Amino acid sequence: MIIYIHVVLSTDRELDDEEILRCCAQRWTIECFFRQAKDQLQLDGYRVRHVRAVKRYWVTVLLACVYSIAEFHQNLSAGLELLRARKGHSLVEFIYDAAKQDIPIDVIKKQLHVA
């Protein structure tokens, strides 16, 4: 069994243990959000170096987060799962419709940018 011990540090020597824990508890949801945003939305996955580009990337990721939560009235994980499922369904419908129209597979691949 692995036991994780989280040590909380504070530079304010006048705070007692309970006050430090209260502050940590208030931040906990923020910390969980950023962990999810990094793990599921690649918040820290940008490959740009210019500050303006990083800010734009963060705005895009956070909009995706808000949209996935608001659209499905779910938490972030459930909202993203539903969005990914919707995207998959749209892709299958696109391929099915193209096949019904006798569009060659090479053209479909090109449209999907997989060829």
PDB file of N, CA and C in Angstrom:
ATOM      1  N   MET A   1       0.841  -1.169   0.000  1.00  0.00           N
ATOM      2  CA  MET A   1       0.000   0.000   0.000  1.00  0.00           C
ATOM      3  C   MET A   1       0.895   1.243   0.000  1.00  0.00           C
ATOM      4  N   ILE A   2       0.521   2.229  -0.844  1.00  0.00           N
ATOM      5  CA  ILE A   2       1.266   3.480  -0.918  1.00  0.00           C
ATOM      6  C   ILE A   2       0.466   4.552  -0.198  1.00  0.00           C
ATOM      7  N   ILE A   3       1.122   5.289   0.658  1.00  0.00           N
ATOM      8  CA  ILE A   3       0.478   6.381   1.384  1.00  0.00           C
ATOM      9  C   ILE A   3       1.122   7.682   0.939  1.00  0.00           C
ATOM     10  N   TYR A   4       0.292   8.618   0.505  1.00  0.00           N
ATOM     11  CA  TYR A   4       0.777   9.922   0.097  1.00  0.00           C
ATOM     12  C   TYR A   4       0.547  10.913   1.226  1.00  0.00           C
ATOM     13  N   ILE A   5       1.560  11.642   1.538  1.00  0.00           N
ATOM     14  CA  ILE A   5       1.449  12.673   2.565  1.00  0.00           C
ATOM     15  C   ILE A   5       1.669  14.007   1.883  1.00  0.00           C
ATOM     16  N   HIS A   6       0.708  14.883   2.026  1.00  0.00           N
ATOM     17  CA  HIS A   6       0.791  16.198   1.415  1.00  0.00           C
ATOM     18  C   HIS A   6       1.158  17.199   2.509  1.00  0.00           C
ATOM     19  N   VAL A   7       2.274  17.844   2.357  1.00  0.00           N
ATOM     20  CA  VAL A   7       2.729  18.827   3.327  1.00  0.00           C
ATOM     21  C   VAL A   7       2.315  20.207   2.842  1.00  0.00           C
ATOM     22  N   VAL A   8       1.699  20.953   3.714  1.00  0.00           N
ATOM     23  CA  VAL A   8       1.263  22.300   3.380  1.00  0.00           C
ATOM     24  C   VAL A   8       2.209  23.276   4.056  1.00  0.00           C
ATOM     25  N   LEU A   9       2.743  24.168   3.250  1.00  0.00           N
ATOM     26  CA  LEU A   9       3.664  25.162   3.779  1.00  0.00           C
ATOM     27  C   LEU A   9       3.050  26.548   3.658  1.00  0.00           C
ATOM     28  N   SER A  10       3.401  27.408   4.567  1.00  0.00           N
ATOM     29  CA  SER A  10       2.959  28.787   4.504  1.00  0.00           C
ATOM     30  C   SER A  10       4.093  29.681   4.959  1.00  0.00           C
ATOM     31  N   THR A  11       4.246  30.804   4.286  1.00  0.00           N
ATOM     32  CA  THR A  11       5.278  31.756   4.692  1.00  0.00           C
ATOM     33  C   THR A  11       4.765  32.717   5.749  1.00  0.00           C
ATOM     34  N   ASP A  12       3.466  32.699   5.994  1.00  0.00           N
ATOM     35  CA  ASP A  12       2.876  33.556   7.020  1.00  0.00           C
ATOM     36  C   ASP A  12       2.930  32.826   8.357  1.00  0.00           C
ATOM     37  N   ARG A  13       3.844  33.219   9.204  1.00  0.00           N
ATOM     38  CA  ARG A  13       4.049  32.530  10.479  1.00  0.00           C
ATOM     39  C   ARG A  13       2.933  32.785  11.493  1.00  0.00           C
ATOM     40  N   GLU A  14       2.077  33.756  11.213  1.00  0.00           N
ATOM     41  CA  GLU A  14       1.010  34.069  12.155  1.00  0.00           C
ATOM     42  C   GLU A  14      -0.225  33.194  11.951  1.00  0.00           C
ATOM     43  N   LEU A  15      -0.276  32.455  10.857  1.00  0.00           N
ATOM     44  CA  LEU A  15      -1.418  31.576  10.611  1.00  0.00           C
ATOM     45  C   LEU A  15      -1.274  30.289  11.413  1.00  0.00           C
ATOM     46  N   ASP A  16      -2.370  29.864  11.999  1.00  0.00           N
ATOM     47  CA  ASP A  16      -2.319  28.579  12.698  1.00  0.00           C
ATOM     48  C   ASP A  16      -2.660  27.462  11.715  1.00  0.00           C
ATOM     49  N   ASP A  17      -2.535  26.236  12.145  1.00  0.00           N
ATOM     50  CA  ASP A  17      -2.754  25.085  11.281  1.00  0.00           C
ATOM     51  C   ASP A  17      -4.152  25.062  10.669  1.00  0.00           C
ATOM     52  N   GLU A  18      -5.156  25.389  11.464  1.00  0.00           N
ATOM     53  CA  GLU A  18      -6.532  25.368  10.969  1.00  0.00           C
ATOM     54  C   GLU A  18      -6.740  26.398   9.858  1.00  0.00           C
ATOM     55  N   GLU A  19      -6.155  27.579  10.007  1.00  0.00           N
ATOM     56  CA  GLU A  19      -6.302  28.621   8.992  1.00  0.00           C
ATOM     57  C   GLU A  19      -5.607  28.217   7.691  1.00  0.00           C
ATOM     58  N   ILE A  20      -4.443  27.597   7.800  1.00  0.00           N
ATOM     59  CA  ILE A  20      -3.730  27.127   6.613  1.00  0.00           C
ATOM     60  C   ILE A  20      -4.560  26.058   5.907  1.00  0.00           C
ATOM     61  N   LEU A  21      -5.122  25.120   6.655  1.00  0.00           N
ATOM     62  CA  LEU A  21      -5.954  24.067   6.062  1.00  0.00           C
ATOM     63  C   LEU A  21      -7.219  24.642   5.432  1.00  0.00           C
ATOM     64  N   ARG A  22      -7.809  25.664   6.049  1.00  0.00           N
ATOM     65  CA  ARG A  22      -8.995  26.300   5.487  1.00  0.00           C
ATOM     66  C   ARG A  22      -8.668  26.935   4.136  1.00  0.00           C
ATOM     67  N   CYS A  23      -7.519  27.601   4.052  1.00  0.00           N
ATOM     68  CA  CYS A  23      -7.096  28.211   2.785  1.00  0.00           C
ATOM     69  C   CYS A  23      -6.852  27.143   1.720  1.00  0.00           C
ATOM     70  N   CYS A  24      -6.243  26.048   2.115  1.00  0.00           N
ATOM     71  CA  CYS A  24      -5.993  24.951   1.172  1.00  0.00           C
ATOM     72  C   CYS A  24      -7.306  24.346   0.696  1.00  0.00           C
ATOM     73  N   ALA A  25      -8.254  24.189   1.588  1.00  0.00           N
ATOM     74  CA  ALA A  25      -9.556  23.625   1.223  1.00  0.00           C
ATOM     75  C   ALA A  25     -10.272  24.534   0.219  1.00  0.00           C
ATOM     76  N   GLN A  26     -10.134  25.843   0.381  1.00  0.00           N
ATOM     77  CA  GLN A  26     -10.760  26.775  -0.554  1.00  0.00           C
ATOM     78  C   GLN A  26     -10.125  26.673  -1.942  1.00  0.00           C
ATOM     79  N   ARG A  27      -8.848  26.384  -2.005  1.00  0.00           N
ATOM     80  CA  ARG A  27      -8.143  26.279  -3.282  1.00  0.00           C
ATOM     81  C   ARG A  27      -8.301  24.912  -3.937  1.00  0.00           C
ATOM     82  N   TRP A  28      -8.781  23.932  -3.208  1.00  0.00           N
ATOM     83  CA  TRP A  28      -8.780  22.558  -3.704  1.00  0.00           C
ATOM     84  C   TRP A  28      -9.536  22.416  -5.022  1.00  0.00           C
ATOM     85  N   THR A  29     -10.704  23.042  -5.155  1.00  0.00           N
ATOM     86  CA  THR A  29     -11.461  22.916  -6.404  1.00  0.00           C
ATOM     87  C   THR A  29     -10.700  23.542  -7.567  1.00  0.00           C
ATOM     88  N   ILE A  30      -9.979  24.616  -7.294  1.00  0.00           N
ATOM     89  CA  ILE A  30      -9.171  25.251  -8.343  1.00  0.00           C
ATOM     90  C   ILE A  30      -8.063  24.309  -8.783  1.00  0.00           C
ATOM     91  N   GLU A  31      -7.406  23.686  -7.826  1.00  0.00           N
ATOM     92  CA  GLU A  31      -6.329  22.746  -8.139  1.00  0.00           C
ATOM     93  C   GLU A  31      -6.861  21.558  -8.939  1.00  0.00           C
ATOM     94  N   CYS A  32      -8.036  21.056  -8.572  1.00  0.00           N
ATOM     95  CA  CYS A  32      -8.643  19.939  -9.307  1.00  0.00           C
ATOM     96  C   CYS A  32      -8.984  20.355 -10.734  1.00  0.00           C
ATOM     97  N   PHE A  33      -9.514  21.571 -10.890  1.00  0.00           N
ATOM     98  CA  PHE A  33      -9.839  22.060 -12.228  1.00  0.00           C
ATOM     99  C   PHE A  33      -8.592  22.107 -13.110  1.00  0.00           C
ATOM    100  N   PHE A  34      -7.504  22.686 -12.608  1.00  0.00           N
ATOM    101  CA  PHE A  34      -6.296  22.782 -13.422  1.00  0.00           C
ATOM    102  C   PHE A  34      -5.717  21.405 -13.737  1.00  0.00           C
ATOM    103  N   ARG A  35      -5.812  20.459 -12.816  1.00  0.00           N
ATOM    104  CA  ARG A  35      -5.327  19.104 -13.086  1.00  0.00           C
ATOM    105  C   ARG A  35      -6.151  18.484 -14.220  1.00  0.00           C
ATOM    106  N   GLN A  36      -7.475  18.639 -14.161  1.00  0.00           N
ATOM    107  CA  GLN A  36      -8.332  18.113 -15.230  1.00  0.00           C
ATOM    108  C   GLN A  36      -8.040  18.815 -16.551  1.00  0.00           C
ATOM    109  N   ALA A  37      -7.885  20.139 -16.510  1.00  0.00           N
ATOM    110  CA  ALA A  37      -7.623  20.901 -17.736  1.00  0.00           C
ATOM    111  C   ALA A  37      -6.297  20.473 -18.359  1.00  0.00           C
ATOM    112  N   LYS A  38      -5.316  20.174 -17.536  1.00  0.00           N
ATOM    113  CA  LYS A  38      -4.026  19.715 -18.062  1.00  0.00           C
ATOM    114  C   LYS A  38      -4.139  18.285 -18.598  1.00  0.00           C
ATOM    115  N   ASP A  39      -4.815  17.419 -17.875  1.00  0.00           N
ATOM    116  CA  ASP A  39      -4.904  16.015 -18.271  1.00  0.00           C
ATOM    117  C   ASP A  39      -5.844  15.788 -19.451  1.00  0.00           C
ATOM    118  N   GLN A  40      -6.999  16.456 -19.450  1.00  0.00           N
ATOM    119  CA  GLN A  40      -8.024  16.151 -20.435  1.00  0.00           C
ATOM    120  C   GLN A  40      -8.108  17.148 -21.582  1.00  0.00           C
ATOM    121  N   LEU A  41      -7.622  18.370 -21.375  1.00  0.00           N
ATOM    122  CA  LEU A  41      -7.715  19.390 -22.420  1.00  0.00           C
ATOM    123  C   LEU A  41      -6.344  19.881 -22.891  1.00  0.00           C
ATOM    124  N   GLN A  42      -5.305  19.287 -22.362  1.00  0.00           N
ATOM    125  CA  GLN A  42      -3.934  19.654 -22.751  1.00  0.00           C
ATOM    126  C   GLN A  42      -3.642  21.128 -22.505  1.00  0.00           C
ATOM    127  N   LEU A  43      -4.096  21.666 -21.381  1.00  0.00           N
ATOM    128  CA  LEU A  43      -3.866  23.069 -21.059  1.00  0.00           C
ATOM    129  C   LEU A  43      -2.385  23.413 -21.083  1.00  0.00           C
ATOM    130  N   ASP A  44      -1.561  22.480 -20.664  1.00  0.00           N
ATOM    131  CA  ASP A  44      -0.122  22.741 -20.657  1.00  0.00           C
ATOM    132  C   ASP A  44       0.576  22.149 -21.881  1.00  0.00           C
ATOM    133  N   GLY A  45      -0.182  21.846 -22.929  1.00  0.00           N
ATOM    134  CA  GLY A  45       0.384  21.185 -24.098  1.00  0.00           C
ATOM    135  C   GLY A  45       0.688  22.105 -25.265  1.00  0.00           C
ATOM    136  N   TYR A  46       0.724  23.394 -25.022  1.00  0.00           N
ATOM    137  CA  TYR A  46       0.974  24.318 -26.124  1.00  0.00           C
ATOM    138  C   TYR A  46       2.419  24.214 -26.609  1.00  0.00           C
ATOM    139  N   ARG A  47       2.599  24.484 -27.899  1.00  0.00           N
ATOM    140  CA  ARG A  47       3.924  24.415 -28.514  1.00  0.00           C
ATOM    141  C   ARG A  47       4.313  25.770 -29.091  1.00  0.00           C
ATOM    142  N   VAL A  48       3.813  26.808 -28.491  1.00  0.00           N
ATOM    143  CA  VAL A  48       4.115  28.154 -28.950  1.00  0.00           C
ATOM    144  C   VAL A  48       4.949  28.849 -27.884  1.00  0.00           C
ATOM    145  N   ARG A  49       5.634  29.880 -28.293  1.00  0.00           N
ATOM    146  CA  ARG A  49       6.525  30.557 -27.351  1.00  0.00           C
ATOM    147  C   ARG A  49       6.137  32.006 -27.090  1.00  0.00           C
ATOM    148  N   HIS A  50       5.415  32.589 -28.004  1.00  0.00           N
ATOM    149  CA  HIS A  50       5.034  33.976 -27.843  1.00  0.00           C
ATOM    150  C   HIS A  50       3.931  34.088 -26.784  1.00  0.00           C
ATOM    151  N   VAL A  51       4.035  35.055 -25.906  1.00  0.00           N
ATOM    152  CA  VAL A  51       3.082  35.203 -24.805  1.00  0.00           C
ATOM    153  C   VAL A  51       1.656  35.350 -25.332  1.00  0.00           C
ATOM    154  N   ARG A  52       1.483  36.099 -26.388  1.00  0.00           N
ATOM    155  CA  ARG A  52       0.153  36.294 -26.955  1.00  0.00           C
ATOM    156  C   ARG A  52      -0.432  34.961 -27.448  1.00  0.00           C
ATOM    157  N   ALA A  53       0.387  34.139 -28.073  1.00  0.00           N
ATOM    158  CA  ALA A  53      -0.067  32.845 -28.570  1.00  0.00           C
ATOM    159  C   ALA A  53      -0.444  31.917 -27.408  1.00  0.00           C
ATOM    160  N   VAL A  54       0.327  31.945 -26.326  1.00  0.00           N
ATOM    161  CA  VAL A  54       0.017  31.121 -25.149  1.00  0.00           C
ATOM    162  C   VAL A  54      -1.327  31.556 -24.565  1.00  0.00           C
ATOM    163  N   LYS A  55      -1.544  32.852 -24.461  1.00  0.00           N
ATOM    164  CA  LYS A  55      -2.814  33.355 -23.923  1.00  0.00           C
ATOM    165  C   LYS A  55      -3.982  32.927 -24.807  1.00  0.00           C
ATOM    166  N   ARG A  56      -3.803  32.988 -26.109  1.00  0.00           N
ATOM    167  CA  ARG A  56      -4.860  32.563 -27.028  1.00  0.00           C
ATOM    168  C   ARG A  56      -5.142  31.073 -26.871  1.00  0.00           C
ATOM    169  N   TYR A  57      -4.093  30.292 -26.714  1.00  0.00           N
ATOM    170  CA  TYR A  57      -4.256  28.847 -26.524  1.00  0.00           C
ATOM    171  C   TYR A  57      -5.053  28.582 -25.249  1.00  0.00           C
ATOM    172  N   TRP A  58      -4.688  29.254 -24.150  1.00  0.00           N
ATOM    173  CA  TRP A  58      -5.385  29.066 -22.891  1.00  0.00           C
ATOM    174  C   TRP A  58      -6.854  29.450 -23.009  1.00  0.00           C
ATOM    175  N   VAL A  59      -7.136  30.561 -23.702  1.00  0.00           N
ATOM    176  CA  VAL A  59      -8.523  30.986 -23.882  1.00  0.00           C
ATOM    177  C   VAL A  59      -9.297  29.917 -24.641  1.00  0.00           C
ATOM    178  N   THR A  60      -8.698  29.374 -25.684  1.00  0.00           N
ATOM    179  CA  THR A  60      -9.366  28.333 -26.472  1.00  0.00           C
ATOM    180  C   THR A  60      -9.662  27.101 -25.619  1.00  0.00           C
ATOM    181  N   VAL A  61      -8.689  26.667 -24.843  1.00  0.00           N
ATOM    182  CA  VAL A  61      -8.866  25.491 -23.984  1.00  0.00           C
ATOM    183  C   VAL A  61      -9.941  25.757 -22.935  1.00  0.00           C
ATOM    184  N   LEU A  62      -9.908  26.925 -22.318  1.00  0.00           N
ATOM    185  CA  LEU A  62     -10.890  27.232 -21.283  1.00  0.00           C
ATOM    186  C   LEU A  62     -12.297  27.386 -21.866  1.00  0.00           C
ATOM    187  N   LEU A  63     -12.406  27.904 -23.084  1.00  0.00           N
ATOM    188  CA  LEU A  63     -13.712  27.957 -23.741  1.00  0.00           C
ATOM    189  C   LEU A  63     -14.242  26.552 -24.010  1.00  0.00           C
ATOM    190  N   ALA A  64     -13.356  25.648 -24.419  1.00  0.00           N
ATOM    191  CA  ALA A  64     -13.761  24.257 -24.621  1.00  0.00           C
ATOM    192  C   ALA A  64     -14.260  23.657 -23.310  1.00  0.00           C
ATOM    193  N   CYS A  65     -13.608  24.006 -22.236  1.00  0.00           N
ATOM    194  CA  CYS A  65     -14.009  23.518 -20.912  1.00  0.00           C
ATOM    195  C   CYS A  65     -15.395  24.040 -20.547  1.00  0.00           C
ATOM    196  N   VAL A  66     -15.580  25.342 -20.652  1.00  0.00           N
ATOM    197  CA  VAL A  66     -16.862  25.950 -20.291  1.00  0.00           C
ATOM    198  C   VAL A  66     -17.976  25.404 -21.180  1.00  0.00           C
ATOM    199  N   TYR A  67     -17.709  25.288 -22.472  1.00  0.00           N
ATOM    200  CA  TYR A  67     -18.714  24.776 -23.398  1.00  0.00           C
ATOM    201  C   TYR A  67     -19.110  23.345 -23.037  1.00  0.00           C
ATOM    202  N   SER A  68     -18.122  22.501 -22.771  1.00  0.00           N
ATOM    203  CA  SER A  68     -18.438  21.099 -22.478  1.00  0.00           C
ATOM    204  C   SER A  68     -19.241  20.964 -21.192  1.00  0.00           C
ATOM    205  N   ILE A  69     -18.999  21.828 -20.232  1.00  0.00           N
ATOM    206  CA  ILE A  69     -19.764  21.789 -18.979  1.00  0.00           C
ATOM    207  C   ILE A  69     -21.175  22.351 -19.196  1.00  0.00           C
ATOM    208  N   ALA A  70     -21.255  23.502 -19.872  1.00  0.00           N
ATOM    209  CA  ALA A  70     -22.547  24.168 -20.052  1.00  0.00           C
ATOM    210  C   ALA A  70     -23.466  23.408 -21.010  1.00  0.00           C
ATOM    211  N   GLU A  71     -22.913  22.876 -22.078  1.00  0.00           N
ATOM    212  CA  GLU A  71     -23.719  22.200 -23.097  1.00  0.00           C
ATOM    213  C   GLU A  71     -24.450  20.986 -22.542  1.00  0.00           C
ATOM    214  N   PHE A  72     -23.796  20.249 -21.680  1.00  0.00           N
ATOM    215  CA  PHE A  72     -24.357  18.989 -21.208  1.00  0.00           C
ATOM    216  C   PHE A  72     -24.760  19.015 -19.733  1.00  0.00           C
ATOM    217  N   HIS A  73     -24.590  20.152 -19.073  1.00  0.00           N
ATOM    218  CA  HIS A  73     -24.938  20.286 -17.658  1.00  0.00           C
ATOM    219  C   HIS A  73     -24.293  19.166 -16.841  1.00  0.00           C
ATOM    220  N   GLN A  74     -23.019  18.914 -17.132  1.00  0.00           N
ATOM    221  CA  GLN A  74     -22.263  17.849 -16.479  1.00  0.00           C
ATOM    222  C   GLN A  74     -20.969  18.441 -15.933  1.00  0.00           C
ATOM    223  N   ASN A  75     -20.184  17.612 -15.281  1.00  0.00           N
ATOM    224  CA  ASN A  75     -18.850  18.045 -14.902  1.00  0.00           C
ATOM    225  C   ASN A  75     -17.956  17.974 -16.141  1.00  0.00           C
ATOM    226  N   LEU A  76     -16.730  18.414 -16.024  1.00  0.00           N
ATOM    227  CA  LEU A  76     -15.835  18.491 -17.175  1.00  0.00           C
ATOM    228  C   LEU A  76     -15.628  17.133 -17.837  1.00  0.00           C
ATOM    229  N   SER A  77     -15.348  16.109 -17.067  1.00  0.00           N
ATOM    230  CA  SER A  77     -15.077  14.784 -17.640  1.00  0.00           C
ATOM    231  C   SER A  77     -16.273  14.249 -18.417  1.00  0.00           C
ATOM    232  N   ALA A  78     -17.451  14.338 -17.825  1.00  0.00           N
ATOM    233  CA  ALA A  78     -18.658  13.830 -18.488  1.00  0.00           C
ATOM    234  C   ALA A  78     -18.977  14.663 -19.727  1.00  0.00           C
ATOM    235  N   GLY A  79     -18.823  15.984 -19.631  1.00  0.00           N
ATOM    236  CA  GLY A  79     -19.070  16.849 -20.781  1.00  0.00           C
ATOM    237  C   GLY A  79     -18.143  16.548 -21.940  1.00  0.00           C
ATOM    238  N   LEU A  80     -16.866  16.354 -21.640  1.00  0.00           N
ATOM    239  CA  LEU A  80     -15.904  16.017 -22.697  1.00  0.00           C
ATOM    240  C   LEU A  80     -16.211  14.669 -23.324  1.00  0.00           C
ATOM    241  N   GLU A  81     -16.605  13.723 -22.507  1.00  0.00           N
ATOM    242  CA  GLU A  81     -16.952  12.394 -23.031  1.00  0.00           C
ATOM    243  C   GLU A  81     -18.129  12.488 -24.005  1.00  0.00           C
ATOM    244  N   LEU A  82     -19.131  13.281 -23.645  1.00  0.00           N
ATOM    245  CA  LEU A  82     -20.287  13.461 -24.528  1.00  0.00           C
ATOM    246  C   LEU A  82     -19.906  14.207 -25.812  1.00  0.00           C
ATOM    247  N   LEU A  83     -19.042  15.218 -25.698  1.00  0.00           N
ATOM    248  CA  LEU A  83     -18.587  15.934 -26.899  1.00  0.00           C
ATOM    249  C   LEU A  83     -17.811  15.015 -27.830  1.00  0.00           C
ATOM    250  N   ARG A  84     -16.947  14.185 -27.266  1.00  0.00           N
ATOM    251  CA  ARG A  84     -16.166  13.258 -28.091  1.00  0.00           C
ATOM    252  C   ARG A  84     -17.078  12.228 -28.762  1.00  0.00           C
ATOM    253  N   ALA A  85     -18.085  11.785 -28.039  1.00  0.00           N
ATOM    254  CA  ALA A  85     -19.041  10.842 -28.632  1.00  0.00           C
ATOM    255  C   ALA A  85     -19.802  11.508 -29.773  1.00  0.00           C
ATOM    256  N   ARG A  86     -20.217  12.752 -29.560  1.00  0.00           N
ATOM    257  CA  ARG A  86     -20.935  13.490 -30.609  1.00  0.00           C
ATOM    258  C   ARG A  86     -20.051  13.656 -31.841  1.00  0.00           C
ATOM    259  N   LYS A  87     -18.780  13.949 -31.623  1.00  0.00           N
ATOM    260  CA  LYS A  87     -17.845  14.096 -32.750  1.00  0.00           C
ATOM    261  C   LYS A  87     -17.712  12.762 -33.494  1.00  0.00           C
ATOM    262  N   GLY A  88     -17.611  11.673 -32.763  1.00  0.00           N
ATOM    263  CA  GLY A  88     -17.506  10.358 -33.383  1.00  0.00           C
ATOM    264  C   GLY A  88     -18.736  10.019 -34.205  1.00  0.00           C
ATOM    265  N   HIS A  89     -19.899  10.340 -33.680  1.00  0.00           N
ATOM    266  CA  HIS A  89     -21.149  10.088 -34.410  1.00  0.00           C
ATOM    267  C   HIS A  89     -21.189  10.909 -35.703  1.00  0.00           C
ATOM    268  N   SER A  90     -20.755  12.169 -35.616  1.00  0.00           N
ATOM    269  CA  SER A  90     -20.745  13.030 -36.810  1.00  0.00           C
ATOM    270  C   SER A  90     -19.802  12.471 -37.866  1.00  0.00           C
ATOM    271  N   LEU A  91     -18.672  11.959 -37.431  1.00  0.00           N
ATOM    272  CA  LEU A  91     -17.698  11.395 -38.362  1.00  0.00           C
ATOM    273  C   LEU A  91     -18.278  10.166 -39.067  1.00  0.00           C
ATOM    274  N   VAL A  92     -18.926   9.302 -38.310  1.00  0.00           N
ATOM    275  CA  VAL A  92     -19.539   8.102 -38.896  1.00  0.00           C
ATOM    276  C   VAL A  92     -20.632   8.509 -39.886  1.00  0.00           C
ATOM    277  N   GLU A  93     -21.448   9.488 -39.525  1.00  0.00           N
ATOM    278  CA  GLU A  93     -22.503   9.951 -40.428  1.00  0.00           C
ATOM    279  C   GLU A  93     -21.928  10.541 -41.708  1.00  0.00           C
ATOM    280  N   PHE A  94     -20.840  11.286 -41.586  1.00  0.00           N
ATOM    281  CA  PHE A  94     -20.191  11.868 -42.761  1.00  0.00           C
ATOM    282  C   PHE A  94     -19.703  10.772 -43.711  1.00  0.00           C
ATOM    283  N   ILE A  95     -19.024   9.775 -43.160  1.00  0.00           N
ATOM    284  CA  ILE A  95     -18.506   8.672 -43.980  1.00  0.00           C
ATOM    285  C   ILE A  95     -19.654   7.890 -44.613  1.00  0.00           C
ATOM    286  N   TYR A  96     -20.699   7.647 -43.848  1.00  0.00           N
ATOM    287  CA  TYR A  96     -21.863   6.914 -44.361  1.00  0.00           C
ATOM    288  C   TYR A  96     -22.519   7.682 -45.517  1.00  0.00           C
ATOM    289  N   ASP A  97     -22.745   8.980 -45.330  1.00  0.00           N
ATOM    290  CA  ASP A  97     -23.359   9.790 -46.387  1.00  0.00           C
ATOM    291  C   ASP A  97     -22.484   9.831 -47.639  1.00  0.00           C
ATOM    292  N   ALA A  98     -21.174   9.945 -47.448  1.00  0.00           N
ATOM    293  CA  ALA A  98     -20.260   9.966 -48.592  1.00  0.00           C
ATOM    294  C   ALA A  98     -20.302   8.630 -49.331  1.00  0.00           C
ATOM    295  N   ALA A  99     -20.364   7.541 -48.590  1.00  0.00           N
ATOM    296  CA  ALA A  99     -20.429   6.216 -49.223  1.00  0.00           C
ATOM    297  C   ALA A  99     -21.734   6.039 -49.995  1.00  0.00           C
ATOM    298  N   LYS A 100     -22.840   6.551 -49.444  1.00  0.00           N
ATOM    299  CA  LYS A 100     -24.130   6.466 -50.148  1.00  0.00           C
ATOM    300  C   LYS A 100     -24.099   7.241 -51.474  1.00  0.00           C
ATOM    301  N   GLN A 101     -23.277   8.282 -51.515  1.00  0.00           N
ATOM    302  CA  GLN A 101     -23.177   9.102 -52.736  1.00  0.00           C
ATOM    303  C   GLN A 101     -22.102   8.573 -53.681  1.00  0.00           C
ATOM    304  N   ASP A 102     -21.560   7.393 -53.355  1.00  0.00           N
ATOM    305  CA  ASP A 102     -20.515   6.762 -54.172  1.00  0.00           C
ATOM    306  C   ASP A 102     -19.268   7.634 -54.325  1.00  0.00           C
ATOM    307  N   ILE A 103     -18.948   8.400 -53.295  1.00  0.00           N
ATOM    308  CA  ILE A 103     -17.710   9.193 -53.313  1.00  0.00           C
ATOM    309  C   ILE A 103     -16.561   8.220 -53.050  1.00  0.00           C
ATOM    310  N   PRO A 104     -15.523   8.253 -53.890  1.00  0.00           N
ATOM    311  CA  PRO A 104     -14.394   7.326 -53.705  1.00  0.00           C
ATOM    312  C   PRO A 104     -13.723   7.499 -52.333  1.00  0.00           C
ATOM    313  N   ILE A 105     -13.240   6.388 -51.807  1.00  0.00           N
ATOM    314  CA  ILE A 105     -12.616   6.396 -50.480  1.00  0.00           C
ATOM    315  C   ILE A 105     -11.421   7.345 -50.424  1.00  0.00           C
ATOM    316  N   ASP A 106     -10.677   7.469 -51.512  1.00  0.00           N
ATOM    317  CA  ASP A 106      -9.534   8.389 -51.527  1.00  0.00           C
ATOM    318  C   ASP A 106      -9.975   9.834 -51.336  1.00  0.00           C
ATOM    319  N   VAL A 107     -11.113  10.191 -51.906  1.00  0.00           N
ATOM    320  CA  VAL A 107     -11.642  11.554 -51.747  1.00  0.00           C
ATOM    321  C   VAL A 107     -12.081  11.774 -50.297  1.00  0.00           C
ATOM    322  N   ILE A 108     -12.728  10.769 -49.716  1.00  0.00           N
ATOM    323  CA  ILE A 108     -13.157  10.870 -48.315  1.00  0.00           C
ATOM    324  C   ILE A 108     -11.947  11.034 -47.404  1.00  0.00           C
ATOM    325  N   LYS A 109     -10.917  10.229 -47.632  1.00  0.00           N
ATOM    326  CA  LYS A 109      -9.699  10.331 -46.818  1.00  0.00           C
ATOM    327  C   LYS A 109      -9.082  11.706 -46.941  1.00  0.00           C
ATOM    328  N   LYS A 110      -9.069  12.247 -48.155  1.00  0.00           N
ATOM    329  CA  LYS A 110      -8.490  13.569 -48.366  1.00  0.00           C
ATOM    330  C   LYS A 110      -9.286  14.630 -47.614  1.00  0.00           C
ATOM    331  N   GLN A 111     -10.615  14.528 -47.665  1.00  0.00           N
ATOM    332  CA  GLN A 111     -11.460  15.479 -46.940  1.00  0.00           C
ATOM    333  C   GLN A 111     -11.268  15.397 -45.430  1.00  0.00           C
ATOM    334  N   LEU A 112     -10.982  14.208 -44.954  1.00  0.00           N
ATOM    335  CA  LEU A 112     -10.754  14.010 -43.513  1.00  0.00           C
ATOM    336  C   LEU A 112      -9.301  14.242 -43.110  1.00  0.00           C
ATOM    337  N   HIS A 113      -8.474  14.567 -44.093  1.00  0.00           N
ATOM    338  CA  HIS A 113      -7.041  14.807 -43.857  1.00  0.00           C
ATOM    339  C   HIS A 113      -6.351  13.599 -43.245  1.00  0.00           C
ATOM    340  N   VAL A 114      -6.699  12.411 -43.739  1.00  0.00           N
ATOM    341  CA  VAL A 114      -6.052  11.183 -43.267  1.00  0.00           C
ATOM    342  C   VAL A 114      -5.293  10.487 -44.387  1.00  0.00           C
ATOM    343  N   ALA A 115      -5.256  11.113 -45.559  1.00  0.00           N
ATOM    344  CA  ALA A 115      -4.537  10.504 -46.693  1.00  0.00           C
ATOM    345  C   ALA A 115      -3.349  11.357 -47.076  1.00  0.00           C
TER     346      ALA A 115
END
